[in-house]
Amino acid sequence: MSSISGSGRSKVLKTIAAFKDVVDNFNVELFEREGKRSRLKARITFIDGSVLVIKDYSHHKHVGSPGNVEPSLEIELRDVLKVIRSRIMVQRL
Protein backbone atom coordinates (compact mmCIF):
# COMPACT_ATOMS: atom_id res chain seq x y z
CA MET A 1 0.00 0.00 0.00
CA SER A 2 1.14 3.51 -0.66
CA SER A 3 0.19 6.85 0.77
CA ILE A 4 -2.30 8.82 -1.28
CA SER A 5 -0.48 11.71 -2.78
CA GLY A 6 -1.64 15.07 -4.03
CA SER A 7 -4.94 14.45 -5.80
CA GLY A 8 -6.44 11.98 -3.31
CA ARG A 9 -5.46 14.04 -0.29
CA SER A 10 -6.53 17.24 -2.01
CA LYS A 11 -9.96 15.81 -2.86
CA VAL A 12 -10.64 14.82 0.76
CA LEU A 13 -9.46 18.17 2.11
CA LYS A 14 -11.57 20.06 -0.45
CA THR A 15 -14.60 17.98 0.47
CA ILE A 16 -14.17 18.75 4.17
CA ALA A 17 -13.56 22.45 3.38
CA ALA A 18 -16.84 22.59 1.46
CA PHE A 19 -18.60 21.92 4.77
CA LYS A 20 -16.69 24.50 6.82
CA ASP A 21 -20.00 26.01 7.91
CA VAL A 22 -20.59 22.96 10.13
CA VAL A 23 -17.05 21.56 10.66
CA ASP A 24 -15.32 22.83 13.80
CA ASN A 25 -12.07 20.90 13.27
CA PHE A 26 -10.71 17.69 11.81
CA ASN A 27 -7.76 15.33 12.02
CA VAL A 28 -6.79 13.02 9.18
CA GLU A 29 -4.90 10.06 10.60
CA LEU A 30 -4.37 7.98 7.48
CA PHE A 31 -4.60 8.10 3.68
CA GLU A 32 -3.71 4.94 1.79
CA ARG A 33 -4.32 3.60 -1.68
CA GLU A 34 -4.06 0.07 -3.02
CA GLY A 35 -4.87 -0.04 -6.71
CA LYS A 36 -8.22 1.69 -7.16
CA ARG A 37 -9.24 1.28 -3.53
CA SER A 38 -8.43 3.95 -1.03
CA ARG A 39 -8.65 4.06 2.73
CA LEU A 40 -9.23 7.04 4.98
CA LYS A 41 -9.10 7.27 8.76
CA ALA A 42 -10.16 10.63 10.13
CA ARG A 43 -12.04 12.38 12.92
CA ILE A 44 -14.25 15.38 12.20
CA THR A 45 -15.77 17.47 15.01
CA PHE A 46 -18.82 19.57 14.15
CA ILE A 47 -20.07 22.87 15.52
CA ASP A 48 -22.72 21.10 17.61
CA GLY A 49 -20.05 18.97 19.34
CA SER A 50 -20.87 15.78 17.46
CA VAL A 51 -18.02 13.74 16.01
CA LEU A 52 -17.67 11.70 12.83
CA VAL A 53 -15.06 8.96 13.07
CA ILE A 54 -14.13 7.58 9.67
CA LYS A 55 -12.61 4.11 9.69
CA ASP A 56 -12.12 2.09 6.53
CA TYR A 57 -15.23 1.23 4.53
CA SER A 58 -17.80 1.53 7.35
CA HIS A 59 -21.40 1.03 6.26
CA HIS A 60 -23.20 2.04 9.42
CA LYS A 61 -23.82 5.23 11.37
CA HIS A 62 -24.52 6.19 14.96
CA VAL A 63 -27.55 8.48 15.16
CA GLY A 64 -28.08 10.54 18.29
CA SER A 65 -26.04 8.29 20.56
CA PRO A 66 -23.23 5.75 20.28
CA GLY A 67 -25.66 2.88 20.92
CA ASN A 68 -28.13 3.86 18.19
CA VAL A 69 -26.58 2.16 15.15
CA GLU A 70 -28.32 2.28 11.77
CA PRO A 71 -27.34 1.05 8.31
CA SER A 72 -25.75 3.76 6.17
CA LEU A 73 -26.55 4.16 2.50
CA GLU A 74 -24.18 7.12 2.29
CA ILE A 75 -20.75 5.82 1.34
CA GLU A 76 -19.12 8.90 -0.16
CA LEU A 77 -17.72 11.43 2.32
CA ARG A 78 -19.60 14.27 0.61
CA ASP A 79 -22.92 12.40 1.01
CA VAL A 80 -22.26 11.68 4.69
CA LEU A 81 -21.38 15.33 5.34
CA LYS A 82 -24.57 16.49 3.57
CA VAL A 83 -26.68 14.36 5.92
CA ILE A 84 -24.81 15.65 8.97
CA ARG A 85 -25.10 19.26 7.78
CA SER A 86 -28.86 18.94 7.32
CA ARG A 87 -29.30 17.48 10.82
CA ILE A 88 -27.19 20.22 12.40
CA MET A 89 -29.13 22.93 10.55
CA VAL A 90 -32.47 21.48 11.70
CA GLN A 91 -31.22 21.44 15.30
CA ARG A 92 -30.24 25.11 15.05
CA LEU A 93 -33.75 26.25 14.03
C-alpha atoms as a PDB file:
ATOM      1  CA  MET A   1       0.000   0.000   0.000  1.00  0.00           C
ATOM      2  CA  SER A   2       1.143   3.509  -0.663  1.00  0.00           C
ATOM      3  CA  SER A   3       0.189   6.848   0.770  1.00  0.00           C
ATOM      4  CA  ILE A   4      -2.302   8.815  -1.282  1.00  0.00           C
ATOM      5  CA  SER A   5      -0.480  11.709  -2.783  1.00  0.00           C
ATOM      6  CA  GLY A   6      -1.642  15.075  -4.032  1.00  0.00           C
ATOM      7  CA  SER A   7      -4.944  14.450  -5.804  1.00  0.00           C
ATOM      8  CA  GLY A   8      -6.445  11.976  -3.309  1.00  0.00           C
ATOM      9  CA  ARG A   9      -5.455  14.042  -0.286  1.00  0.00           C
ATOM     10  CA  SER A  10      -6.531  17.241  -2.005  1.00  0.00           C
ATOM     11  CA  LYS A  11      -9.962  15.809  -2.862  1.00  0.00           C
ATOM     12  CA  VAL A  12     -10.640  14.819   0.758  1.00  0.00           C
ATOM     13  CA  LEU A  13      -9.459  18.174   2.111  1.00  0.00           C
ATOM     14  CA  LYS A  14     -11.573  20.059  -0.446  1.00  0.00           C
ATOM     15  CA  THR A  15     -14.600  17.975   0.475  1.00  0.00           C
ATOM     16  CA  ILE A  16     -14.174  18.754   4.172  1.00  0.00           C
ATOM     17  CA  ALA A  17     -13.561  22.447   3.384  1.00  0.00           C
ATOM     18  CA  ALA A  18     -16.839  22.586   1.457  1.00  0.00           C
ATOM     19  CA  PHE A  19     -18.603  21.922   4.774  1.00  0.00           C
ATOM     20  CA  LYS A  20     -16.688  24.500   6.825  1.00  0.00           C
ATOM     21  CA  ASP A  21     -20.001  26.011   7.908  1.00  0.00           C
ATOM     22  CA  VAL A  22     -20.589  22.959  10.129  1.00  0.00           C
ATOM     23  CA  VAL A  23     -17.052  21.560  10.662  1.00  0.00           C
ATOM     24  CA  ASP A  24     -15.324  22.832  13.795  1.00  0.00           C
ATOM     25  CA  ASN A  25     -12.073  20.902  13.272  1.00  0.00           C
ATOM     26  CA  PHE A  26     -10.709  17.695  11.814  1.00  0.00           C
ATOM     27  CA  ASN A  27      -7.764  15.334  12.024  1.00  0.00           C
ATOM     28  CA  VAL A  28      -6.791  13.021   9.182  1.00  0.00           C
ATOM     29  CA  GLU A  29      -4.900  10.057  10.601  1.00  0.00           C
ATOM     30  CA  LEU A  30      -4.375   7.976   7.481  1.00  0.00           C
ATOM     31  CA  PHE A  31      -4.599   8.098   3.682  1.00  0.00           C
ATOM     32  CA  GLU A  32      -3.713   4.938   1.793  1.00  0.00           C
ATOM     33  CA  ARG A  33      -4.321   3.598  -1.683  1.00  0.00           C
ATOM     34  CA  GLU A  34      -4.064   0.066  -3.019  1.00  0.00           C
ATOM     35  CA  GLY A  35      -4.873  -0.045  -6.705  1.00  0.00           C
ATOM     36  CA  LYS A  36      -8.224   1.688  -7.164  1.00  0.00           C
ATOM     37  CA  ARG A  37      -9.243   1.279  -3.526  1.00  0.00           C
ATOM     38  CA  SER A  38      -8.430   3.955  -1.026  1.00  0.00           C
ATOM     39  CA  ARG A  39      -8.647   4.064   2.727  1.00  0.00           C
ATOM     40  CA  LEU A  40      -9.229   7.036   4.976  1.00  0.00           C
ATOM     41  CA  LYS A  41      -9.105   7.272   8.756  1.00  0.00           C
ATOM     42  CA  ALA A  42     -10.160  10.631  10.128  1.00  0.00           C
ATOM     43  CA  ARG A  43     -12.035  12.383  12.916  1.00  0.00           C
ATOM     44  CA  ILE A  44     -14.252  15.379  12.198  1.00  0.00           C
ATOM     45  CA  THR A  45     -15.772  17.471  15.007  1.00  0.00           C
ATOM     46  CA  PHE A  46     -18.815  19.574  14.150  1.00  0.00           C
ATOM     47  CA  ILE A  47     -20.072  22.870  15.522  1.00  0.00           C
ATOM     48  CA  ASP A  48     -22.724  21.097  17.611  1.00  0.00           C
ATOM     49  CA  GLY A  49     -20.045  18.974  19.336  1.00  0.00           C
ATOM     50  CA  SER A  50     -20.874  15.775  17.459  1.00  0.00           C
ATOM     51  CA  VAL A  51     -18.018  13.744  16.013  1.00  0.00           C
ATOM     52  CA  LEU A  52     -17.672  11.702  12.826  1.00  0.00           C
ATOM     53  CA  VAL A  53     -15.064   8.957  13.072  1.00  0.00           C
ATOM     54  CA  ILE A  54     -14.126   7.583   9.666  1.00  0.00           C
ATOM     55  CA  LYS A  55     -12.614   4.107   9.688  1.00  0.00           C
ATOM     56  CA  ASP A  56     -12.124   2.091   6.532  1.00  0.00           C
ATOM     57  CA  TYR A  57     -15.233   1.235   4.529  1.00  0.00           C
ATOM     58  CA  SER A  58     -17.797   1.534   7.348  1.00  0.00           C
ATOM     59  CA  HIS A  59     -21.396   1.028   6.257  1.00  0.00           C
ATOM     60  CA  HIS A  60     -23.197   2.039   9.419  1.00  0.00           C
ATOM     61  CA  LYS A  61     -23.818   5.232  11.365  1.00  0.00           C
ATOM     62  CA  HIS A  62     -24.518   6.193  14.959  1.00  0.00           C
ATOM     63  CA  VAL A  63     -27.549   8.482  15.157  1.00  0.00           C
ATOM     64  CA  GLY A  64     -28.084  10.541  18.288  1.00  0.00           C
ATOM     65  CA  SER A  65     -26.041   8.294  20.561  1.00  0.00           C
ATOM     66  CA  PRO A  66     -23.234   5.745  20.277  1.00  0.00           C
ATOM     67  CA  GLY A  67     -25.661   2.878  20.920  1.00  0.00           C
ATOM     68  CA  ASN A  68     -28.132   3.859  18.190  1.00  0.00           C
ATOM     69  CA  VAL A  69     -26.580   2.164  15.151  1.00  0.00           C
ATOM     70  CA  GLU A  70     -28.324   2.276  11.767  1.00  0.00           C
ATOM     71  CA  PRO A  71     -27.341   1.051   8.311  1.00  0.00           C
ATOM     72  CA  SER A  72     -25.755   3.764   6.172  1.00  0.00           C
ATOM     73  CA  LEU A  73     -26.545   4.159   2.497  1.00  0.00           C
ATOM     74  CA  GLU A  74     -24.183   7.124   2.286  1.00  0.00           C
ATOM     75  CA  ILE A  75     -20.753   5.818   1.345  1.00  0.00           C
ATOM     76  CA  GLU A  76     -19.118   8.902  -0.158  1.00  0.00           C
ATOM     77  CA  LEU A  77     -17.720  11.428   2.318  1.00  0.00           C
ATOM     78  CA  ARG A  78     -19.601  14.273   0.605  1.00  0.00           C
ATOM     79  CA  ASP A  79     -22.924  12.404   1.008  1.00  0.00           C
ATOM     80  CA  VAL A  80     -22.261  11.680   4.687  1.00  0.00           C
ATOM     81  CA  LEU A  81     -21.377  15.331   5.341  1.00  0.00           C
ATOM     82  CA  LYS A  82     -24.571  16.493   3.574  1.00  0.00           C
ATOM     83  CA  VAL A  83     -26.681  14.355   5.918  1.00  0.00           C
ATOM     84  CA  ILE A  84     -24.814  15.647   8.973  1.00  0.00           C
ATOM     85  CA  ARG A  85     -25.103  19.261   7.778  1.00  0.00           C
ATOM     86  CA  SER A  86     -28.857  18.941   7.322  1.00  0.00           C
ATOM     87  CA  ARG A  87     -29.299  17.484  10.821  1.00  0.00           C
ATOM     88  CA  ILE A  88     -27.188  20.224  12.403  1.00  0.00           C
ATOM     89  CA  MET A  89     -29.130  22.931  10.549  1.00  0.00           C
ATOM     90  CA  VAL A  90     -32.470  21.479  11.696  1.00  0.00           C
ATOM     91  CA  GLN A  91     -31.224  21.445  15.305  1.00  0.00           C
ATOM     92  CA  ARG A  92     -30.241  25.107  15.054  1.00  0.00           C
ATOM     93  CA  LEU A  93     -33.748  26.251  14.026  1.00  0.00           C
END
